[in-house]
Protein backbone atom coordinates (compact mmCIF):
# COMPACT_ATOMS: atom_id res chain seq x y z
CA UNK A 1 89.83 119.48 135.83
CA UNK A 2 89.26 123.20 135.54
CA UNK A 3 86.14 124.47 133.80
CA UNK A 4 88.05 125.92 130.85
CA UNK A 5 89.91 122.63 130.41
CA UNK A 6 86.63 120.71 130.50
CA UNK A 7 85.21 122.94 127.77
CA UNK A 8 88.30 122.45 125.61
CA UNK A 9 88.37 118.70 126.31
CA UNK A 10 84.72 118.37 125.37
CA UNK A 11 85.17 120.34 122.12
CA UNK A 12 88.37 118.53 121.16
CA UNK A 13 86.88 115.13 121.94
CA UNK A 14 83.95 115.82 119.63
CA UNK A 15 86.26 116.95 116.82
CA UNK A 16 88.57 113.97 117.28
CA UNK A 17 85.66 111.52 117.44
CA UNK A 18 84.39 112.87 114.14
CA UNK A 19 87.84 112.45 112.59
CA UNK A 20 88.11 108.88 113.83
CA UNK A 21 84.67 108.03 112.48
CA UNK A 22 85.50 109.59 109.11
CA UNK A 23 88.74 107.66 108.99
CA UNK A 24 87.01 104.38 109.86
CA UNK A 25 84.39 104.97 107.19
CA UNK A 26 87.09 105.83 104.66
CA UNK A 27 88.84 102.55 105.42
CA UNK A 28 85.57 100.72 104.75
CA UNK A 29 85.28 102.62 101.46
CA UNK A 30 88.87 101.63 100.64
CA UNK A 31 87.92 97.96 100.65
CA UNK A 32 85.59 98.48 97.70
CA UNK A 33 88.12 100.29 95.52
CA UNK A 34 89.97 98.70 92.62
CA UNK A 35 93.59 97.86 93.41
CA UNK A 36 94.99 100.69 91.26
CA UNK A 37 93.12 103.29 93.34
CA UNK A 38 93.97 101.96 96.78
CA UNK A 39 97.40 103.58 97.15
CA UNK A 40 95.95 107.04 96.61
CA UNK A 41 93.10 106.35 99.00
CA UNK A 42 95.56 105.06 101.62
CA UNK A 43 97.53 108.33 101.34
CA UNK A 44 94.36 110.35 101.92
CA UNK A 45 93.42 108.19 104.92
CA UNK A 46 96.95 108.53 106.28
CA UNK A 47 96.74 112.33 105.99
CA UNK A 48 93.35 112.39 107.72
CA UNK A 49 94.62 110.22 110.57
CA UNK A 50 97.70 112.43 110.94
CA UNK A 51 95.38 115.42 111.36
CA UNK A 52 93.49 113.54 114.07
CA UNK A 53 96.79 112.74 115.76
CA UNK A 54 97.76 116.42 115.74
CA UNK A 55 94.41 117.33 117.30
CA UNK A 56 95.11 114.86 120.10
CA UNK A 57 98.52 116.45 120.67
CA UNK A 58 96.89 119.86 120.81
CA UNK A 59 94.27 118.60 123.25
CA UNK A 60 96.96 117.12 125.52
CA UNK A 61 98.52 120.55 125.85
CA UNK A 62 95.29 122.45 126.42
CA UNK A 63 93.19 120.07 128.52
CA UNK A 64 95.13 117.67 130.67
CA UNK A 65 93.64 114.19 130.82
CA UNK A 66 95.50 110.86 130.93
CA UNK A 67 93.27 109.30 128.27
CA UNK A 68 94.70 111.53 125.52
CA UNK A 69 97.97 109.63 125.93
CA UNK A 70 96.09 106.34 126.09
CA UNK A 71 94.52 107.01 122.68
CA UNK A 72 97.79 107.86 120.94
CA UNK A 73 99.23 104.31 120.72
CA UNK A 74 96.05 103.14 119.02
CA UNK A 75 96.36 105.92 116.43
CA UNK A 76 100.02 105.02 115.89
CA UNK A 77 99.14 101.35 115.35
CA UNK A 78 96.45 102.31 112.86
CA UNK A 79 98.97 104.47 110.98
CA UNK A 80 101.39 101.55 110.88
CA UNK A 81 98.67 99.32 109.43
CA UNK A 82 97.86 101.90 106.77
CA UNK A 83 101.55 102.41 105.92
CA UNK A 84 101.99 98.64 105.66
CA UNK A 85 99.23 98.35 103.08
CA UNK A 86 96.82 96.60 105.43
CA UNK A 87 94.71 99.63 106.28
CA UNK A 88 91.61 97.48 106.47
CA UNK A 89 93.04 96.06 109.71
CA UNK A 90 93.33 99.51 111.31
CA UNK A 91 89.66 99.58 112.29
CA UNK A 92 90.14 97.81 115.62
CA UNK A 93 92.78 100.33 116.67
CA UNK A 94 90.58 103.23 115.63
CA UNK A 95 87.71 101.76 117.66
CA UNK A 96 89.92 101.56 120.75
CA UNK A 97 91.06 105.16 120.26
CA UNK A 98 87.45 106.23 119.78
CA UNK A 99 86.53 104.59 123.09
CA UNK A 100 89.26 106.53 124.94
CA UNK A 101 88.24 109.81 123.34
CA UNK A 102 84.55 109.18 124.04
CA UNK A 103 85.37 108.68 127.72
CA UNK A 104 87.10 112.07 127.83
CA UNK A 105 84.07 113.72 126.26
CA UNK A 106 81.68 112.05 128.67
CA UNK A 107 83.73 113.00 131.72
CA UNK A 108 84.08 116.58 130.53
CA UNK A 109 80.38 116.83 129.77
CA UNK A 110 79.49 115.45 133.22
CA UNK A 111 81.73 118.00 134.90
CA UNK A 112 80.21 120.83 132.87
CA UNK A 113 76.70 119.62 133.71
CA UNK A 114 77.59 119.52 137.41
CA UNK A 115 78.72 123.13 137.14
CA UNK A 116 75.51 123.96 135.28
CA UNK A 117 77.35 125.02 132.15
CA UNK A 118 75.56 122.56 129.88
C-alpha cells in the first residue's frame, strides 16, 4: 500500500468506525422507543447506515484494500434487517463490519508507523 493510500485508509477507517458505532448505538436506542416512533427512527438509522456505506465505496476507490469489500456484505445485511423491521438484529452484522474496518485502520496505522509518519 502506498503512503498516501495508507493515510486515506486510516482516515476513512476512523470515520467509518464512528458511523458504525453511532448506528449500533442508535439501534440500541430504538429498542426503548414506543412503537409509534420506531418507523421514524428506523428511517434515520437507515439513512445513517447508507452514509456509512457510501464512505466505504469512496474508500474502496481511494485506498485499495480487500477488506473494504469484505465489510460491504455485512452493511447490506444490516440494511436488510432494518428495512424488514427487525433493526435490532442488525447489531451482529454491524459488529462484523466494524471488525473488518478496524483491521484496515490497524494495518494502515502500522504501515504509517513503520514509515515514521505517525
